[in-house]
Amino acid sequence: MPVGADPSEIADRLVSIGEELADLALERLRQAADSVRAGEEPDPALTAEEKRITRARRAVDKAAILLAGPRSSGVSFDEGP
């Protein structure tokens, strides 16, 4: 990464990564649903992987919003009241 990269450019890349992660999570959910439709139990490892991917996506989305700055959205991720 070049020194002095613009945080909003990094935020844009993170948004793309978040979208890729969302697609991966949806694919895992489709695989689990296919198992259920076939009368099988969903693979617990597959379910756990979907949850990990979803958590990672949320973290990436949060980072993108934080880097984009306050003008990019009205969403706040502050922990306090």
PDB file of N, CA and C in Angstrom:
ATOM      1  N   MET A   1       0.845  -1.171   0.000  1.00  0.00           N
ATOM      2  CA  MET A   1       0.000   0.000   0.000  1.00  0.00           C
ATOM      3  C   MET A   1       0.893   1.237   0.000  1.00  0.00           C
ATOM      4  N   PRO A   2       0.599   2.210  -0.829  1.00  0.00           N
ATOM      5  CA  PRO A   2       1.429   3.404  -0.879  1.00  0.00           C
ATOM      6  C   PRO A   2       1.302   4.218   0.402  1.00  0.00           C
ATOM      7  N   VAL A   3       2.421   4.840   0.769  1.00  0.00           N
ATOM      8  CA  VAL A   3       2.414   5.720   1.933  1.00  0.00           C
ATOM      9  C   VAL A   3       1.528   6.913   1.621  1.00  0.00           C
ATOM     10  N   GLY A   4       0.715   7.313   2.575  1.00  0.00           N
ATOM     11  CA  GLY A   4      -0.163   8.450   2.378  1.00  0.00           C
ATOM     12  C   GLY A   4      -1.426   8.117   1.618  1.00  0.00           C
ATOM     13  N   ALA A   5      -1.785   6.849   1.567  1.00  0.00           N
ATOM     14  CA  ALA A   5      -3.019   6.454   0.878  1.00  0.00           C
ATOM     15  C   ALA A   5      -4.202   7.142   1.543  1.00  0.00           C
ATOM     16  N   ASP A   6      -5.156   7.517   0.744  1.00  0.00           N
ATOM     17  CA  ASP A   6      -6.352   8.204   1.224  1.00  0.00           C
ATOM     18  C   ASP A   6      -7.251   7.215   1.967  1.00  0.00           C
ATOM     19  N   PRO A   7      -7.637   7.532   3.208  1.00  0.00           N
ATOM     20  CA  PRO A   7      -8.509   6.625   3.961  1.00  0.00           C
ATOM     21  C   PRO A   7      -9.819   6.301   3.233  1.00  0.00           C
ATOM     22  N   SER A   8     -10.346   7.249   2.465  1.00  0.00           N
ATOM     23  CA  SER A   8     -11.600   6.967   1.758  1.00  0.00           C
ATOM     24  C   SER A   8     -11.389   5.934   0.645  1.00  0.00           C
ATOM     25  N   GLU A   9     -10.195   5.900   0.053  1.00  0.00           N
ATOM     26  CA  GLU A   9      -9.890   4.872  -0.953  1.00  0.00           C
ATOM     27  C   GLU A   9      -9.819   3.493  -0.299  1.00  0.00           C
ATOM     28  N   ILE A  10      -9.210   3.440   0.872  1.00  0.00           N
ATOM     29  CA  ILE A  10      -9.144   2.180   1.608  1.00  0.00           C
ATOM     30  C   ILE A  10     -10.556   1.763   2.018  1.00  0.00           C
ATOM     31  N   ALA A  11     -11.362   2.731   2.430  1.00  0.00           N
ATOM     32  CA  ALA A  11     -12.756   2.431   2.795  1.00  0.00           C
ATOM     33  C   ALA A  11     -13.499   1.826   1.609  1.00  0.00           C
ATOM     34  N   ASP A  12     -13.274   2.355   0.422  1.00  0.00           N
ATOM     35  CA  ASP A  12     -13.921   1.809  -0.779  1.00  0.00           C
ATOM     36  C   ASP A  12     -13.501   0.359  -1.017  1.00  0.00           C
ATOM     37  N   ARG A  13     -12.212   0.077  -0.824  1.00  0.00           N
ATOM     38  CA  ARG A  13     -11.747  -1.304  -0.997  1.00  0.00           C
ATOM     39  C   ARG A  13     -12.362  -2.212   0.055  1.00  0.00           C
ATOM     40  N   LEU A  14     -12.487  -1.708   1.272  1.00  0.00           N
ATOM     41  CA  LEU A  14     -13.103  -2.510   2.331  1.00  0.00           C
ATOM     42  C   LEU A  14     -14.573  -2.801   2.031  1.00  0.00           C
ATOM     43  N   VAL A  15     -15.266  -1.839   1.435  1.00  0.00           N
ATOM     44  CA  VAL A  15     -16.663  -2.075   1.047  1.00  0.00           C
ATOM     45  C   VAL A  15     -16.736  -3.238   0.059  1.00  0.00           C
ATOM     46  N   SER A  16     -15.820  -3.260  -0.890  1.00  0.00           N
ATOM     47  CA  SER A  16     -15.784  -4.368  -1.863  1.00  0.00           C
ATOM     48  C   SER A  16     -15.506  -5.700  -1.176  1.00  0.00           C
ATOM     49  N   ILE A  17     -14.577  -5.691  -0.244  1.00  0.00           N
ATOM     50  CA  ILE A  17     -14.260  -6.910   0.501  1.00  0.00           C
ATOM     51  C   ILE A  17     -15.476  -7.352   1.319  1.00  0.00           C
ATOM     52  N   GLY A  18     -16.182  -6.401   1.914  1.00  0.00           N
ATOM     53  CA  GLY A  18     -17.396  -6.726   2.668  1.00  0.00           C
ATOM     54  C   GLY A  18     -18.440  -7.389   1.786  1.00  0.00           C
ATOM     55  N   GLU A  19     -18.563  -6.910   0.564  1.00  0.00           N
ATOM     56  CA  GLU A  19     -19.516  -7.507  -0.380  1.00  0.00           C
ATOM     57  C   GLU A  19     -19.107  -8.934  -0.744  1.00  0.00           C
ATOM     58  N   GLU A  20     -17.808  -9.148  -0.929  1.00  0.00           N
ATOM     59  CA  GLU A  20     -17.323 -10.502  -1.221  1.00  0.00           C
ATOM     60  C   GLU A  20     -17.618 -11.438  -0.050  1.00  0.00           C
ATOM     61  N   LEU A  21     -17.387 -10.959   1.165  1.00  0.00           N
ATOM     62  CA  LEU A  21     -17.656 -11.776   2.347  1.00  0.00           C
ATOM     63  C   LEU A  21     -19.149 -12.083   2.474  1.00  0.00           C
ATOM     64  N   ALA A  22     -19.996 -11.109   2.160  1.00  0.00           N
ATOM     65  CA  ALA A  22     -21.441 -11.346   2.202  1.00  0.00           C
ATOM     66  C   ALA A  22     -21.829 -12.438   1.209  1.00  0.00           C
ATOM     67  N   ASP A  23     -21.238 -12.408   0.023  1.00  0.00           N
ATOM     68  CA  ASP A  23     -21.506 -13.443  -0.978  1.00  0.00           C
ATOM     69  C   ASP A  23     -21.076 -14.820  -0.478  1.00  0.00           C
ATOM     70  N   LEU A  24     -19.901 -14.883   0.171  1.00  0.00           N
ATOM     71  CA  LEU A  24     -19.436 -16.158   0.721  1.00  0.00           C
ATOM     72  C   LEU A  24     -20.383 -16.687   1.789  1.00  0.00           C
ATOM     73  N   ALA A  25     -20.826 -15.796   2.674  1.00  0.00           N
ATOM     74  CA  ALA A  25     -21.746 -16.213   3.733  1.00  0.00           C
ATOM     75  C   ALA A  25     -23.057 -16.725   3.141  1.00  0.00           C
ATOM     76  N   LEU A  26     -23.568 -16.034   2.134  1.00  0.00           N
ATOM     77  CA  LEU A  26     -24.806 -16.484   1.493  1.00  0.00           C
ATOM     78  C   LEU A  26     -24.634 -17.849   0.837  1.00  0.00           C
ATOM     79  N   GLU A  27     -23.479 -18.082   0.256  1.00  0.00           N
ATOM     80  CA  GLU A  27     -23.219 -19.386  -0.357  1.00  0.00           C
ATOM     81  C   GLU A  27     -23.232 -20.487   0.701  1.00  0.00           C
ATOM     82  N   ARG A  28     -22.632 -20.206   1.869  1.00  0.00           N
ATOM     83  CA  ARG A  28     -22.651 -21.204   2.948  1.00  0.00           C
ATOM     84  C   ARG A  28     -24.082 -21.468   3.407  1.00  0.00           C
ATOM     85  N   LEU A  29     -24.895 -20.412   3.487  1.00  0.00           N
ATOM     86  CA  LEU A  29     -26.292 -20.592   3.877  1.00  0.00           C
ATOM     87  C   LEU A  29     -27.056 -21.407   2.833  1.00  0.00           C
ATOM     88  N   ARG A  30     -26.778 -21.173   1.564  1.00  0.00           N
ATOM     89  CA  ARG A  30     -27.426 -21.950   0.501  1.00  0.00           C
ATOM     90  C   ARG A  30     -27.057 -23.429   0.598  1.00  0.00           C
ATOM     91  N   GLN A  31     -25.791 -23.689   0.882  1.00  0.00           N
ATOM     92  CA  GLN A  31     -25.346 -25.071   1.025  1.00  0.00           C
ATOM     93  C   GLN A  31     -26.062 -25.747   2.195  1.00  0.00           C
ATOM     94  N   ALA A  32     -26.195 -25.035   3.312  1.00  0.00           N
ATOM     95  CA  ALA A  32     -26.898 -25.585   4.473  1.00  0.00           C
ATOM     96  C   ALA A  32     -28.364 -25.820   4.145  1.00  0.00           C
ATOM     97  N   ALA A  33     -28.992 -24.889   3.437  1.00  0.00           N
ATOM     98  CA  ALA A  33     -30.403 -25.033   3.060  1.00  0.00           C
ATOM     99  C   ALA A  33     -30.586 -26.212   2.107  1.00  0.00           C
ATOM    100  N   ASP A  34     -29.639 -26.411   1.197  1.00  0.00           N
ATOM    101  CA  ASP A  34     -29.713 -27.549   0.281  1.00  0.00           C
ATOM    102  C   ASP A  34     -29.672 -28.863   1.058  1.00  0.00           C
ATOM    103  N   SER A  35     -28.855 -28.923   2.083  1.00  0.00           N
ATOM    104  CA  SER A  35     -28.783 -30.133   2.918  1.00  0.00           C
ATOM    105  C   SER A  35     -30.114 -30.398   3.598  1.00  0.00           C
ATOM    106  N   VAL A  36     -30.717 -29.360   4.122  1.00  0.00           N
ATOM    107  CA  VAL A  36     -32.005 -29.510   4.810  1.00  0.00           C
ATOM    108  C   VAL A  36     -33.079 -29.955   3.819  1.00  0.00           C
ATOM    109  N   ARG A  37     -33.085 -29.362   2.633  1.00  0.00           N
ATOM    110  CA  ARG A  37     -34.064 -29.763   1.611  1.00  0.00           C
ATOM    111  C   ARG A  37     -33.887 -31.221   1.191  1.00  0.00           C
ATOM    112  N   ALA A  38     -32.664 -31.700   1.262  1.00  0.00           N
ATOM    113  CA  ALA A  38     -32.386 -33.090   0.899  1.00  0.00           C
ATOM    114  C   ALA A  38     -32.679 -34.046   2.055  1.00  0.00           C
ATOM    115  N   GLY A  39     -33.187 -33.499   3.158  1.00  0.00           N
ATOM    116  CA  GLY A  39     -33.528 -34.342   4.301  1.00  0.00           C
ATOM    117  C   GLY A  39     -32.358 -34.636   5.213  1.00  0.00           C
ATOM    118  N   GLU A  40     -31.259 -33.920   5.041  1.00  0.00           N
ATOM    119  CA  GLU A  40     -30.067 -34.123   5.861  1.00  0.00           C
ATOM    120  C   GLU A  40     -29.964 -33.015   6.896  1.00  0.00           C
ATOM    121  N   GLU A  41     -29.109 -33.239   7.866  1.00  0.00           N
ATOM    122  CA  GLU A  41     -28.786 -32.196   8.831  1.00  0.00           C
ATOM    123  C   GLU A  41     -27.716 -31.287   8.211  1.00  0.00           C
ATOM    124  N   PRO A  42     -27.806 -29.983   8.456  1.00  0.00           N
ATOM    125  CA  PRO A  42     -26.745 -29.113   7.939  1.00  0.00           C
ATOM    126  C   PRO A  42     -25.415 -29.425   8.631  1.00  0.00           C
ATOM    127  N   ASP A  43     -24.350 -29.309   7.895  1.00  0.00           N
ATOM    128  CA  ASP A  43     -23.011 -29.557   8.423  1.00  0.00           C
ATOM    129  C   ASP A  43     -22.674 -28.488   9.465  1.00  0.00           C
ATOM    130  N   PRO A  44     -22.392 -28.874  10.719  1.00  0.00           N
ATOM    131  CA  PRO A  44     -22.080 -27.886  11.750  1.00  0.00           C
ATOM    132  C   PRO A  44     -20.844 -27.055  11.418  1.00  0.00           C
ATOM    133  N   ALA A  45     -19.874 -27.649  10.739  1.00  0.00           N
ATOM    134  CA  ALA A  45     -18.682 -26.887  10.347  1.00  0.00           C
ATOM    135  C   ALA A  45     -19.045 -25.800   9.341  1.00  0.00           C
ATOM    136  N   LEU A  46     -19.983 -26.108   8.450  1.00  0.00           N
ATOM    137  CA  LEU A  46     -20.441 -25.144   7.454  1.00  0.00           C
ATOM    138  C   LEU A  46     -21.168 -23.981   8.132  1.00  0.00           C
ATOM    139  N   THR A  47     -21.994 -24.318   9.103  1.00  0.00           N
ATOM    140  CA  THR A  47     -22.726 -23.292   9.851  1.00  0.00           C
ATOM    141  C   THR A  47     -21.759 -22.401  10.630  1.00  0.00           C
ATOM    142  N   ALA A  48     -20.769 -23.008  11.255  1.00  0.00           N
ATOM    143  CA  ALA A  48     -19.774 -22.237  12.008  1.00  0.00           C
ATOM    144  C   ALA A  48     -18.974 -21.329  11.077  1.00  0.00           C
ATOM    145  N   GLU A  49     -18.643 -21.841   9.889  1.00  0.00           N
ATOM    146  CA  GLU A  49     -17.901 -21.030   8.928  1.00  0.00           C
ATOM    147  C   GLU A  49     -18.724 -19.826   8.483  1.00  0.00           C
ATOM    148  N   GLU A  50     -20.028 -20.037   8.231  1.00  0.00           N
ATOM    149  CA  GLU A  50     -20.897 -18.921   7.830  1.00  0.00           C
ATOM    150  C   GLU A  50     -20.915 -17.853   8.914  1.00  0.00           C
ATOM    151  N   LYS A  51     -20.993 -18.275  10.164  1.00  0.00           N
ATOM    152  CA  LYS A  51     -21.005 -17.306  11.277  1.00  0.00           C
ATOM    153  C   LYS A  51     -19.695 -16.529  11.352  1.00  0.00           C
ATOM    154  N   ARG A  52     -18.560 -17.222  11.164  1.00  0.00           N
ATOM    155  CA  ARG A  52     -17.257 -16.533  11.173  1.00  0.00           C
ATOM    156  C   ARG A  52     -17.162 -15.533  10.041  1.00  0.00           C
ATOM    157  N   ILE A  53     -17.608 -15.927   8.848  1.00  0.00           N
ATOM    158  CA  ILE A  53     -17.565 -15.029   7.689  1.00  0.00           C
ATOM    159  C   ILE A  53     -18.443 -13.810   7.942  1.00  0.00           C
ATOM    160  N   THR A  54     -19.624 -14.031   8.517  1.00  0.00           N
ATOM    161  CA  THR A  54     -20.531 -12.919   8.801  1.00  0.00           C
ATOM    162  C   THR A  54     -19.924 -11.967   9.827  1.00  0.00           C
ATOM    163  N   ARG A  55     -19.290 -12.503  10.846  1.00  0.00           N
ATOM    164  CA  ARG A  55     -18.621 -11.637  11.842  1.00  0.00           C
ATOM    165  C   ARG A  55     -17.507 -10.825  11.189  1.00  0.00           C
ATOM    166  N   ALA A  56     -16.740 -11.466  10.316  1.00  0.00           N
ATOM    167  CA  ALA A  56     -15.668 -10.759   9.615  1.00  0.00           C
ATOM    168  C   ALA A  56     -16.239  -9.660   8.726  1.00  0.00           C
ATOM    169  N   ARG A  57     -17.347  -9.956   8.046  1.00  0.00           N
ATOM    170  CA  ARG A  57     -17.977  -8.946   7.182  1.00  0.00           C
ATOM    171  C   ARG A  57     -18.408  -7.749   7.997  1.00  0.00           C
ATOM    172  N   ARG A  58     -19.009  -7.989   9.132  1.00  0.00           N
ATOM    173  CA  ARG A  58     -19.438  -6.872   9.984  1.00  0.00           C
ATOM    174  C   ARG A  58     -18.260  -6.018  10.431  1.00  0.00           C
ATOM    175  N   ALA A  59     -17.161  -6.665  10.775  1.00  0.00           N
ATOM    176  CA  ALA A  59     -15.963  -5.924  11.185  1.00  0.00           C
ATOM    177  C   ALA A  59     -15.408  -5.093  10.028  1.00  0.00           C
ATOM    178  N   VAL A  60     -15.383  -5.669   8.843  1.00  0.00           N
ATOM    179  CA  VAL A  60     -14.886  -4.953   7.660  1.00  0.00           C
ATOM    180  C   VAL A  60     -15.813  -3.780   7.340  1.00  0.00           C
ATOM    181  N   ASP A  61     -17.128  -4.006   7.424  1.00  0.00           N
ATOM    182  CA  ASP A  61     -18.081  -2.922   7.171  1.00  0.00           C
ATOM    183  C   ASP A  61     -17.897  -1.785   8.173  1.00  0.00           C
ATOM    184  N   LYS A  62     -17.676  -2.144   9.427  1.00  0.00           N
ATOM    185  CA  LYS A  62     -17.470  -1.131  10.459  1.00  0.00           C
ATOM    186  C   LYS A  62     -16.193  -0.333  10.159  1.00  0.00           C
ATOM    187  N   ALA A  63     -15.129  -1.032   9.785  1.00  0.00           N
ATOM    188  CA  ALA A  63     -13.880  -0.347   9.456  1.00  0.00           C
ATOM    189  C   ALA A  63     -14.060   0.591   8.269  1.00  0.00           C
ATOM    190  N   ALA A  64     -14.813   0.165   7.268  1.00  0.00           N
ATOM    191  CA  ALA A  64     -15.045   1.010   6.090  1.00  0.00           C
ATOM    192  C   ALA A  64     -15.777   2.286   6.487  1.00  0.00           C
ATOM    193  N   ILE A  65     -16.775   2.148   7.340  1.00  0.00           N
ATOM    194  CA  ILE A  65     -17.538   3.327   7.778  1.00  0.00           C
ATOM    195  C   ILE A  65     -16.654   4.261   8.593  1.00  0.00           C
ATOM    196  N   LEU A  66     -15.846   3.699   9.471  1.00  0.00           N
ATOM    197  CA  LEU A  66     -14.962   4.529  10.284  1.00  0.00           C
ATOM    198  C   LEU A  66     -13.939   5.271   9.426  1.00  0.00           C
ATOM    199  N   LEU A  67     -13.385   4.603   8.419  1.00  0.00           N
ATOM    200  CA  LEU A  67     -12.398   5.253   7.550  1.00  0.00           C
ATOM    201  C   LEU A  67     -13.024   6.289   6.626  1.00  0.00           C
ATOM    202  N   ALA A  68     -14.249   6.042   6.198  1.00  0.00           N
ATOM    203  CA  ALA A  68     -14.906   6.974   5.287  1.00  0.00           C
ATOM    204  C   ALA A  68     -15.211   8.303   5.971  1.00  0.00           C
ATOM    205  N   GLY A  69     -15.345   8.276   7.272  1.00  0.00           N
ATOM    206  CA  GLY A  69     -15.579   9.505   8.015  1.00  0.00           C
ATOM    207  C   GLY A  69     -17.047   9.757   8.284  1.00  0.00           C
ATOM    208  N   PRO A  70     -17.309  10.758   9.103  1.00  0.00           N
ATOM    209  CA  PRO A  70     -18.679  11.025   9.549  1.00  0.00           C
ATOM    210  C   PRO A  70     -19.619  11.477   8.441  1.00  0.00           C
ATOM    211  N   ARG A  71     -19.111  12.051   7.388  1.00  0.00           N
ATOM    212  CA  ARG A  71     -19.987  12.550   6.335  1.00  0.00           C
ATOM    213  C   ARG A  71     -20.526  11.443   5.433  1.00  0.00           C
ATOM    214  N   SER A  72     -19.932  10.223   5.520  1.00  0.00           N
ATOM    215  CA  SER A  72     -20.331   9.148   4.621  1.00  0.00           C
ATOM    216  C   SER A  72     -21.675   8.543   4.988  1.00  0.00           C
ATOM    217  N   SER A  73     -22.028   8.574   6.262  1.00  0.00           N
ATOM    218  CA  SER A  73     -23.314   8.026   6.685  1.00  0.00           C
ATOM    219  C   SER A  73     -23.639   8.562   8.063  1.00  0.00           C
ATOM    220  N   GLY A  74     -24.870   8.413   8.437  1.00  0.00           N
ATOM    221  CA  GLY A  74     -25.293   8.831   9.771  1.00  0.00           C
ATOM    222  C   GLY A  74     -25.147   7.738  10.792  1.00  0.00           C
ATOM    223  N   VAL A  75     -24.530   6.611  10.408  1.00  0.00           N
ATOM    224  CA  VAL A  75     -24.406   5.476  11.297  1.00  0.00           C
ATOM    225  C   VAL A  75     -23.261   5.708  12.266  1.00  0.00           C
ATOM    226  N   SER A  76     -23.490   5.401  13.537  1.00  0.00           N
ATOM    227  CA  SER A  76     -22.465   5.511  14.552  1.00  0.00           C
ATOM    228  C   SER A  76     -22.287   4.163  15.215  1.00  0.00           C
ATOM    229  N   PHE A  77     -21.037   3.792  15.432  1.00  0.00           N
ATOM    230  CA  PHE A  77     -20.741   2.520  16.079  1.00  0.00           C
ATOM    231  C   PHE A  77     -20.185   2.738  17.471  1.00  0.00           C
ATOM    232  N   ASP A  78     -20.410   3.914  18.060  1.00  0.00           N
ATOM    233  CA  ASP A  78     -19.915   4.162  19.394  1.00  0.00           C
ATOM    234  C   ASP A  78     -20.514   3.163  20.359  1.00  0.00           C
ATOM    235  N   GLU A  79     -19.715   2.759  21.346  1.00  0.00           N
ATOM    236  CA  GLU A  79     -20.143   1.739  22.291  1.00  0.00           C
ATOM    237  C   GLU A  79     -21.059   2.326  23.362  1.00  0.00           C
ATOM    238  N   GLY A  80     -20.911   3.560  23.721  1.00  0.00           N
ATOM    239  CA  GLY A  80     -21.660   4.139  24.819  1.00  0.00           C
ATOM    240  C   GLY A  80     -23.031   4.623  24.445  1.00  0.00           C
ATOM    241  N   PRO A  81     -23.798   5.039  25.474  1.00  0.00           N
ATOM    242  CA  PRO A  81     -25.166   5.556  25.218  1.00  0.00           C
ATOM    243  C   PRO A  81     -25.169   6.902  24.549  1.00  0.00           C
TER     244      PRO A  81
END
